[in-house]
PDB file of N, CA and C in Angstrom:
ATOM      1  N   MET A   1     -63.663 236.999 123.566  1.00  0.00           N
ATOM      2  CA  MET A   1     -63.646 235.794 122.760  1.00  0.00           C
ATOM      3  C   MET A   1     -65.036 235.184 122.812  1.00  0.00           C
ATOM      4  N   LYS A   2     -65.489 234.687 121.667  1.00  0.00           N
ATOM      5  CA  LYS A   2     -66.780 233.999 121.597  1.00  0.00           C
ATOM      6  C   LYS A   2     -66.665 232.857 120.607  1.00  0.00           C
ATOM      7  N   ASN A   3     -67.641 231.973 120.651  1.00  0.00           N
ATOM      8  CA  ASN A   3     -67.673 230.901 119.653  1.00  0.00           C
ATOM      9  C   ASN A   3     -69.111 230.616 119.254  1.00  0.00           C
ATOM     10  N   TYR A   4     -69.271 230.120 118.056  1.00  0.00           N
ATOM     11  CA  TYR A   4     -70.591 229.759 117.555  1.00  0.00           C
ATOM     12  C   TYR A   4     -70.448 228.635 116.554  1.00  0.00           C
ATOM     13  N   PRO A   5     -71.334 227.690 116.496  1.00  0.00           N
ATOM     14  CA  PRO A   5     -72.378 227.478 117.496  1.00  0.00           C
ATOM     15  C   PRO A   5     -71.807 226.874 118.781  1.00  0.00           C
ATOM     16  N   ASN A   6     -72.601 226.912 119.826  1.00  0.00           N
ATOM     17  CA  ASN A   6     -72.221 226.302 121.101  1.00  0.00           C
ATOM     18  C   ASN A   6     -73.493 225.897 121.816  1.00  0.00           C
ATOM     19  N   PRO A   7     -73.759 224.610 122.009  1.00  0.00           N
ATOM     20  CA  PRO A   7     -72.918 223.451 121.702  1.00  0.00           C
ATOM     21  C   PRO A   7     -72.760 223.247 120.200  1.00  0.00           C
ATOM     22  N   PHE A   8     -71.777 222.395 119.843  1.00  0.00           N
ATOM     23  CA  PHE A   8     -71.496 222.215 118.428  1.00  0.00           C
ATOM     24  C   PHE A   8     -71.231 220.761 118.054  1.00  0.00           C
ATOM     25  N   ASN A   9     -71.422 220.494 116.785  1.00  0.00           N
ATOM     26  CA  ASN A   9     -71.077 219.245 116.126  1.00  0.00           C
ATOM     27  C   ASN A   9     -71.271 219.498 114.642  1.00  0.00           C
ATOM     28  N   PRO A  10     -70.322 219.412 113.789  1.00  0.00           N
ATOM     29  CA  PRO A  10     -68.977 218.897 114.001  1.00  0.00           C
ATOM     30  C   PRO A  10     -67.923 219.955 114.278  1.00  0.00           C
ATOM     31  N   GLU A  11     -68.242 221.283 114.112  1.00  0.00           N
ATOM     32  CA  GLU A  11     -67.205 222.287 114.293  1.00  0.00           C
ATOM     33  C   GLU A  11     -67.789 223.564 114.882  1.00  0.00           C
ATOM     34  N   THR A  12     -66.893 224.386 115.446  1.00  0.00           N
ATOM     35  CA  THR A  12     -67.278 225.684 115.986  1.00  0.00           C
ATOM     36  C   THR A  12     -66.247 226.722 115.546  1.00  0.00           C
ATOM     37  N   THR A  13     -66.691 227.948 115.399  1.00  0.00           N
ATOM     38  CA  THR A  13     -65.806 229.048 115.033  1.00  0.00           C
ATOM     39  C   THR A  13     -65.539 229.894 116.275  1.00  0.00           C
ATOM     40  N   ILE A  14     -64.274 230.076 116.587  1.00  0.00           N
ATOM     41  CA  ILE A  14     -63.853 230.864 117.741  1.00  0.00           C
ATOM     42  C   ILE A  14     -63.369 232.211 117.220  1.00  0.00           C
ATOM     43  N   SER A  15     -63.962 233.286 117.739  1.00  0.00           N
ATOM     44  CA  SER A  15     -63.653 234.637 117.264  1.00  0.00           C
ATOM     45  C   SER A  15     -63.103 235.489 118.399  1.00  0.00           C
ATOM     46  N   PHE A  16     -62.117 236.307 118.072  1.00  0.00           N
ATOM     47  CA  PHE A  16     -61.583 237.261 119.040  1.00  0.00           C
ATOM     48  C   PHE A  16     -60.880 238.381 118.296  1.00  0.00           C
ATOM     49  N   ALA A  17     -60.625 239.475 119.003  1.00  0.00           N
ATOM     50  CA  ALA A  17     -59.939 240.628 118.420  1.00  0.00           C
ATOM     51  C   ALA A  17     -58.796 241.038 119.333  1.00  0.00           C
ATOM     52  N   LEU A  18     -57.704 241.491 118.712  1.00  0.00           N
ATOM     53  CA  LEU A  18     -56.560 242.018 119.452  1.00  0.00           C
ATOM     54  C   LEU A  18     -56.357 243.466 119.046  1.00  0.00           C
ATOM     55  N   ALA A  19     -56.216 244.343 120.043  1.00  0.00           N
ATOM     56  CA  ALA A  19     -56.046 245.767 119.768  1.00  0.00           C
ATOM     57  C   ALA A  19     -54.588 246.133 119.525  1.00  0.00           C
ATOM     58  N   GLU A  20     -53.666 245.298 120.018  1.00  0.00           N
ATOM     59  CA  GLU A  20     -52.244 245.597 119.883  1.00  0.00           C
ATOM     60  C   GLU A  20     -51.509 244.402 119.311  1.00  0.00           C
ATOM     61  N   GLU A  21     -50.333 244.655 118.751  1.00  0.00           N
ATOM     62  CA  GLU A  21     -49.495 243.576 118.247  1.00  0.00           C
ATOM     63  C   GLU A  21     -49.073 242.690 119.414  1.00  0.00           C
ATOM     64  N   ALA A  22     -49.017 241.402 119.180  1.00  0.00           N
ATOM     65  CA  ALA A  22     -48.658 240.451 120.238  1.00  0.00           C
ATOM     66  C   ALA A  22     -47.377 239.717 119.869  1.00  0.00           C
ATOM     67  N   ARG A  23     -46.442 239.664 120.822  1.00  0.00           N
ATOM     68  CA  ARG A  23     -45.241 238.861 120.597  1.00  0.00           C
ATOM     69  C   ARG A  23     -45.644 237.403 120.430  1.00  0.00           C
ATOM     70  N   THR A  24     -46.556 236.969 121.285  1.00  0.00           N
ATOM     71  CA  THR A  24     -47.101 235.620 121.162  1.00  0.00           C
ATOM     72  C   THR A  24     -48.583 235.661 121.490  1.00  0.00           C
ATOM     73  N   ALA A  25     -49.343 234.947 120.718  1.00  0.00           N
ATOM     74  CA  ALA A  25     -50.766 234.764 120.992  1.00  0.00           C
ATOM     75  C   ALA A  25     -51.062 233.299 120.745  1.00  0.00           C
ATOM     76  N   ASP A  26     -51.679 232.664 121.731  1.00  0.00           N
ATOM     77  CA  ASP A  26     -52.037 231.269 121.516  1.00  0.00           C
ATOM     78  C   ASP A  26     -53.464 231.010 121.963  1.00  0.00           C
ATOM     79  N   VAL A  27     -54.086 230.103 121.224  1.00  0.00           N
ATOM     80  CA  VAL A  27     -55.434 229.640 121.523  1.00  0.00           C
ATOM     81  C   VAL A  27     -55.331 228.132 121.667  1.00  0.00           C
ATOM     82  N   LYS A  28     -55.689 227.640 122.862  1.00  0.00           N
ATOM     83  CA  LYS A  28     -55.566 226.216 123.157  1.00  0.00           C
ATOM     84  C   LYS A  28     -56.847 225.702 123.775  1.00  0.00           C
ATOM     85  N   VAL A  29     -57.132 224.421 123.521  1.00  0.00           N
ATOM     86  CA  VAL A  29     -58.315 223.758 124.057  1.00  0.00           C
ATOM     87  C   VAL A  29     -57.873 222.775 125.139  1.00  0.00           C
ATOM     88  N   TYR A  30     -58.568 222.818 126.274  1.00  0.00           N
ATOM     89  CA  TYR A  30     -58.281 221.923 127.400  1.00  0.00           C
ATOM     90  C   TYR A  30     -59.532 221.148 127.774  1.00  0.00           C
ATOM     91  N   ASN A  31     -59.342 219.928 128.303  1.00  0.00           N
ATOM     92  CA  ASN A  31     -60.483 219.168 128.805  1.00  0.00           C
ATOM     93  C   ASN A  31     -60.784 219.589 130.243  1.00  0.00           C
ATOM     94  N   ILE A  32     -61.798 218.983 130.851  1.00  0.00           N
ATOM     95  CA  ILE A  32     -62.191 219.401 132.201  1.00  0.00           C
ATOM     96  C   ILE A  32     -61.149 219.034 133.254  1.00  0.00           C
ATOM     97  N   LYS A  33     -60.199 218.155 132.904  1.00  0.00           N
ATOM     98  CA  LYS A  33     -59.109 217.812 133.814  1.00  0.00           C
ATOM     99  C   LYS A  33     -57.945 218.795 133.696  1.00  0.00           C
ATOM    100  N   GLY A  34     -58.048 219.744 132.767  1.00  0.00           N
ATOM    101  CA  GLY A  34     -56.988 220.718 132.562  1.00  0.00           C
ATOM    102  C   GLY A  34     -55.890 220.244 131.625  1.00  0.00           C
ATOM    103  N   GLN A  35     -56.127 219.120 130.946  1.00  0.00           N
ATOM    104  CA  GLN A  35     -55.128 218.573 130.018  1.00  0.00           C
ATOM    105  C   GLN A  35     -55.284 219.216 128.648  1.00  0.00           C
ATOM    106  N   LEU A  36     -54.155 219.548 128.020  1.00  0.00           N
ATOM    107  CA  LEU A  36     -54.176 220.128 126.686  1.00  0.00           C
ATOM    108  C   LEU A  36     -54.745 219.127 125.689  1.00  0.00           C
ATOM    109  N   VAL A  37     -55.717 219.573 124.920  1.00  0.00           N
ATOM    110  CA  VAL A  37     -56.349 218.733 123.901  1.00  0.00           C
ATOM    111  C   VAL A  37     -55.881 219.151 122.508  1.00  0.00           C
ATOM    112  N   LYS A  38     -55.877 220.461 122.254  1.00  0.00           N
ATOM    113  CA  LYS A  38     -55.563 220.940 120.906  1.00  0.00           C
ATOM    114  C   LYS A  38     -54.991 222.349 120.965  1.00  0.00           C
ATOM    115  N   THR A  39     -53.923 222.589 120.204  1.00  0.00           N
ATOM    116  CA  THR A  39     -53.402 223.932 120.006  1.00  0.00           C
ATOM    117  C   THR A  39     -53.958 224.428 118.678  1.00  0.00           C
ATOM    118  N   LEU A  40     -54.770 225.477 118.739  1.00  0.00           N
ATOM    119  CA  LEU A  40     -55.401 226.010 117.536  1.00  0.00           C
ATOM    120  C   LEU A  40     -54.577 227.116 116.897  1.00  0.00           C
ATOM    121  N   MET A  41     -53.813 227.843 117.728  1.00  0.00           N
ATOM    122  CA  MET A  41     -52.983 228.925 117.215  1.00  0.00           C
ATOM    123  C   MET A  41     -51.848 229.168 118.195  1.00  0.00           C
ATOM    124  N   ASP A  42     -50.678 229.437 117.669  1.00  0.00           N
ATOM    125  CA  ASP A  42     -49.520 229.824 118.472  1.00  0.00           C
ATOM    126  C   ASP A  42     -48.617 230.628 117.550  1.00  0.00           C
ATOM    127  N   ALA A  43     -48.761 231.970 117.598  1.00  0.00           N
ATOM    128  CA  ALA A  43     -48.090 232.801 116.598  1.00  0.00           C
ATOM    129  C   ALA A  43     -47.891 234.222 117.090  1.00  0.00           C
ATOM    130  N   GLN A  44     -47.038 234.939 116.371  1.00  0.00           N
ATOM    131  CA  GLN A  44     -46.908 236.381 116.551  1.00  0.00           C
ATOM    132  C   GLN A  44     -47.929 236.999 115.607  1.00  0.00           C
ATOM    133  N   VAL A  45     -48.756 237.909 116.120  1.00  0.00           N
ATOM    134  CA  VAL A  45     -49.832 238.443 115.292  1.00  0.00           C
ATOM    135  C   VAL A  45     -49.920 239.962 115.401  1.00  0.00           C
ATOM    136  N   SER A  46     -50.456 240.552 114.359  1.00  0.00           N
ATOM    137  CA  SER A  46     -50.735 241.983 114.328  1.00  0.00           C
ATOM    138  C   SER A  46     -52.138 242.224 114.875  1.00  0.00           C
ATOM    139  N   PRO A  47     -52.459 243.467 115.214  1.00  0.00           N
ATOM    140  CA  PRO A  47     -53.816 243.761 115.672  1.00  0.00           C
ATOM    141  C   PRO A  47     -54.844 243.391 114.612  1.00  0.00           C
ATOM    142  N   GLY A  48     -56.021 242.990 115.074  1.00  0.00           N
ATOM    143  CA  GLY A  48     -57.092 242.665 114.138  1.00  0.00           C
ATOM    144  C   GLY A  48     -58.060 241.678 114.712  1.00  0.00           C
ATOM    145  N   GLU A  49     -58.972 241.224 113.863  1.00  0.00           N
ATOM    146  CA  GLU A  49     -59.986 240.239 114.238  1.00  0.00           C
ATOM    147  C   GLU A  49     -59.579 238.883 113.688  1.00  0.00           C
ATOM    148  N   PHE A  50     -59.851 237.849 114.471  1.00  0.00           N
ATOM    149  CA  PHE A  50     -59.442 236.498 114.123  1.00  0.00           C
ATOM    150  C   PHE A  50     -60.619 235.543 114.260  1.00  0.00           C
ATOM    151  N   ASN A  51     -60.698 234.595 113.344  1.00  0.00           N
ATOM    152  CA  ASN A  51     -61.678 233.512 113.392  1.00  0.00           C
ATOM    153  C   ASN A  51     -60.934 232.203 113.192  1.00  0.00           C
ATOM    154  N   ILE A  52     -61.075 231.317 114.151  1.00  0.00           N
ATOM    155  CA  ILE A  52     -60.411 230.016 114.090  1.00  0.00           C
ATOM    156  C   ILE A  52     -61.486 228.945 114.159  1.00  0.00           C
ATOM    157  N   ILE A  53     -61.407 227.967 113.274  1.00  0.00           N
ATOM    158  CA  ILE A  53     -62.374 226.869 113.289  1.00  0.00           C
ATOM    159  C   ILE A  53     -61.765 225.678 114.018  1.00  0.00           C
ATOM    160  N   TRP A  54     -62.472 225.205 115.050  1.00  0.00           N
ATOM    161  CA  TRP A  54     -62.081 223.967 115.727  1.00  0.00           C
ATOM    162  C   TRP A  54     -63.045 222.879 115.268  1.00  0.00           C
ATOM    163  N   GLN A  55     -62.484 221.821 114.703  1.00  0.00           N
ATOM    164  CA  GLN A  55     -63.289 220.742 114.154  1.00  0.00           C
ATOM    165  C   GLN A  55     -63.517 219.611 115.156  1.00  0.00           C
ATOM    166  N   GLY A  56     -63.343 219.900 116.438  1.00  0.00           N
ATOM    167  CA  GLY A  56     -63.616 218.914 117.472  1.00  0.00           C
ATOM    168  C   GLY A  56     -62.621 217.769 117.488  1.00  0.00           C
ATOM    169  N   THR A  57     -61.354 218.067 117.126  1.00  0.00           N
ATOM    170  CA  THR A  57     -60.321 217.038 117.116  1.00  0.00           C
ATOM    171  C   THR A  57     -59.207 217.419 118.089  1.00  0.00           C
ATOM    172  N   ASP A  58     -58.409 216.414 118.472  1.00  0.00           N
ATOM    173  CA  ASP A  58     -57.278 216.678 119.350  1.00  0.00           C
ATOM    174  C   ASP A  58     -56.027 216.932 118.505  1.00  0.00           C
ATOM    175  N   ASN A  59     -54.869 217.040 119.149  1.00  0.00           N
ATOM    176  CA  ASN A  59     -53.624 217.311 118.418  1.00  0.00           C
ATOM    177  C   ASN A  59     -53.209 216.165 117.497  1.00  0.00           C
ATOM    178  N   ASN A  60     -53.818 214.981 117.667  1.00  0.00           N
ATOM    179  CA  ASN A  60     -53.562 213.845 116.777  1.00  0.00           C
ATOM    180  C   ASN A  60     -54.643 213.712 115.710  1.00  0.00           C
ATOM    181  N   ASN A  61     -55.493 214.725 115.592  1.00  0.00           N
ATOM    182  CA  ASN A  61     -56.616 214.768 114.640  1.00  0.00           C
ATOM    183  C   ASN A  61     -57.646 213.677 114.865  1.00  0.00           C
ATOM    184  N   LYS A  62     -57.771 213.211 116.111  1.00  0.00           N
ATOM    185  CA  LYS A  62     -58.827 212.257 116.479  1.00  0.00           C
ATOM    186  C   LYS A  62     -59.981 213.029 117.096  1.00  0.00           C
ATOM    187  N   ARG A  63     -61.207 212.607 116.786  1.00  0.00           N
ATOM    188  CA  ARG A  63     -62.406 213.256 117.329  1.00  0.00           C
ATOM    189  C   ARG A  63     -62.395 213.164 118.848  1.00  0.00           C
ATOM    190  N   VAL A  64     -62.730 214.277 119.503  1.00  0.00           N
ATOM    191  CA  VAL A  64     -62.825 214.276 120.958  1.00  0.00           C
ATOM    192  C   VAL A  64     -64.189 213.736 121.374  1.00  0.00           C
ATOM    193  N   ALA A  65     -64.277 213.310 122.621  1.00  0.00           N
ATOM    194  CA  ALA A  65     -65.544 212.797 123.157  1.00  0.00           C
ATOM    195  C   ALA A  65     -66.513 213.950 123.399  1.00  0.00           C
ATOM    196  N   SER A  66     -67.791 213.622 123.458  1.00  0.00           N
ATOM    197  CA  SER A  66     -68.788 214.617 123.847  1.00  0.00           C
ATOM    198  C   SER A  66     -68.453 215.119 125.242  1.00  0.00           C
ATOM    199  N   GLY A  67     -68.713 216.389 125.479  1.00  0.00           N
ATOM    200  CA  GLY A  67     -68.461 216.937 126.802  1.00  0.00           C
ATOM    201  C   GLY A  67     -68.078 218.399 126.756  1.00  0.00           C
ATOM    202  N   THR A  68     -67.601 218.880 127.901  1.00  0.00           N
ATOM    203  CA  THR A  68     -67.238 220.281 128.065  1.00  0.00           C
ATOM    204  C   THR A  68     -65.735 220.455 127.919  1.00  0.00           C
ATOM    205  N   TYR A  69     -65.353 221.491 127.204  1.00  0.00           N
ATOM    206  CA  TYR A  69     -63.959 221.841 126.988  1.00  0.00           C
ATOM    207  C   TYR A  69     -63.792 223.337 127.241  1.00  0.00           C
ATOM    208  N   PHE A  70     -62.556 223.763 127.463  1.00  0.00           N
ATOM    209  CA  PHE A  70     -62.271 225.170 127.710  1.00  0.00           C
ATOM    210  C   PHE A  70     -61.276 225.667 126.676  1.00  0.00           C
ATOM    211  N   VAL A  71     -61.628 226.762 126.017  1.00  0.00           N
ATOM    212  CA  VAL A  71     -60.752 227.391 125.037  1.00  0.00           C
ATOM    213  C   VAL A  71     -60.120 228.599 125.725  1.00  0.00           C
ATOM    214  N   LYS A  72     -58.790 228.645 125.742  1.00  0.00           N
ATOM    215  CA  LYS A  72     -58.078 229.725 126.423  1.00  0.00           C
ATOM    216  C   LYS A  72     -57.264 230.537 125.424  1.00  0.00           C
ATOM    217  N   LEU A  73     -57.378 231.852 125.566  1.00  0.00           N
ATOM    218  CA  LEU A  73     -56.586 232.792 124.773  1.00  0.00           C
ATOM    219  C   LEU A  73     -55.540 233.408 125.686  1.00  0.00           C
ATOM    220  N   ASN A  74     -54.277 233.240 125.336  1.00  0.00           N
ATOM    221  CA  ASN A  74     -53.160 233.859 126.047  1.00  0.00           C
ATOM    222  C   ASN A  74     -52.456 234.809 125.090  1.00  0.00           C
ATOM    223  N   VAL A  75     -52.169 236.021 125.572  1.00  0.00           N
ATOM    224  CA  VAL A  75     -51.457 237.014 124.776  1.00  0.00           C
ATOM    225  C   VAL A  75     -50.230 237.448 125.565  1.00  0.00           C
ATOM    226  N   ASN A  76     -49.067 237.285 124.947  1.00  0.00           N
ATOM    227  CA  ASN A  76     -47.791 237.625 125.592  1.00  0.00           C
ATOM    228  C   ASN A  76     -47.658 236.950 126.956  1.00  0.00           C
ATOM    229  N   GLY A  77     -48.096 235.693 127.029  1.00  0.00           N
ATOM    230  CA  GLY A  77     -47.963 234.906 128.249  1.00  0.00           C
ATOM    231  C   GLY A  77     -49.009 235.181 129.311  1.00  0.00           C
ATOM    232  N   GLU A  78     -49.964 236.059 129.036  1.00  0.00           N
ATOM    233  CA  GLU A  78     -51.002 236.412 130.009  1.00  0.00           C
ATOM    234  C   GLU A  78     -52.358 235.894 129.532  1.00  0.00           C
ATOM    235  N   GLU A  79     -53.072 235.193 130.424  1.00  0.00           N
ATOM    236  CA  GLU A  79     -54.393 234.680 130.073  1.00  0.00           C
ATOM    237  C   GLU A  79     -55.353 235.847 129.902  1.00  0.00           C
ATOM    238  N   LYS A  80     -55.976 235.927 128.724  1.00  0.00           N
ATOM    239  CA  LYS A  80     -56.884 237.026 128.418  1.00  0.00           C
ATOM    240  C   LYS A  80     -58.345 236.615 128.432  1.00  0.00           C
ATOM    241  N   SER A  81     -58.622 235.352 128.081  1.00  0.00           N
ATOM    242  CA  SER A  81     -60.010 234.926 127.998  1.00  0.00           C
ATOM    243  C   SER A  81     -60.094 233.411 128.079  1.00  0.00           C
ATOM    244  N   VAL A  82     -61.177 232.935 128.694  1.00  0.00           N
ATOM    245  CA  VAL A  82     -61.480 231.508 128.738  1.00  0.00           C
ATOM    246  C   VAL A  82     -62.938 231.352 128.348  1.00  0.00           C
ATOM    247  N   ARG A  83     -63.193 230.422 127.462  1.00  0.00           N
ATOM    248  CA  ARG A  83     -64.570 230.195 126.988  1.00  0.00           C
ATOM    249  C   ARG A  83     -64.898 228.710 127.137  1.00  0.00           C
ATOM    250  N   LYS A  84     -66.043 228.410 127.738  1.00  0.00           N
ATOM    251  CA  LYS A  84     -66.494 227.027 127.876  1.00  0.00           C
ATOM    252  C   LYS A  84     -67.272 226.651 126.617  1.00  0.00           C
ATOM    253  N   VAL A  85     -66.891 225.519 126.017  1.00  0.00           N
ATOM    254  CA  VAL A  85     -67.580 225.031 124.816  1.00  0.00           C
ATOM    255  C   VAL A  85     -68.018 223.594 125.053  1.00  0.00           C
ATOM    256  N   THR A  86     -69.085 223.200 124.380  1.00  0.00           N
ATOM    257  CA  THR A  86     -69.632 221.866 124.555  1.00  0.00           C
ATOM    258  C   THR A  86     -69.704 221.144 123.219  1.00  0.00           C
ATOM    259  N   VAL A  87     -69.137 219.950 123.199  1.00  0.00           N
ATOM    260  CA  VAL A  87     -69.191 219.081 122.025  1.00  0.00           C
ATOM    261  C   VAL A  87     -70.336 218.097 122.237  1.00  0.00           C
ATOM    262  N   VAL A  88     -71.212 217.978 121.261  1.00  0.00           N
ATOM    263  CA  VAL A  88     -72.300 217.004 121.298  1.00  0.00           C
ATOM    264  C   VAL A  88     -72.182 216.083 120.099  1.00  0.00           C
ATOM    265  N   LYS A  89     -72.636 214.859 120.269  1.00  0.00           N
ATOM    266  CA  LYS A  89     -72.601 213.915 119.146  1.00  0.00           C
ATOM    267  C   LYS A  89     -73.977 213.392 118.852  1.00  0.00           C
TER     268      LYS A  89
END
């Protein structure tokens, strides 16, 4: 999993690839306290490449504060990747 640009303002593109079909695949953003900020994807998916745009908002569509966040990819309930991203204003 990767993202660009990083740091970012106002948005970043998160890219990843899956080699096998997934019963569940989710991409979620957490703050440094480990609290869920935003669910970007939660779906059953086929193999392929994925690009998700995070516009720096939380689940209520409010802009998040500047700082460090963690984007986590889980496939079939197993953590596959964690990426540190930085929001700047």
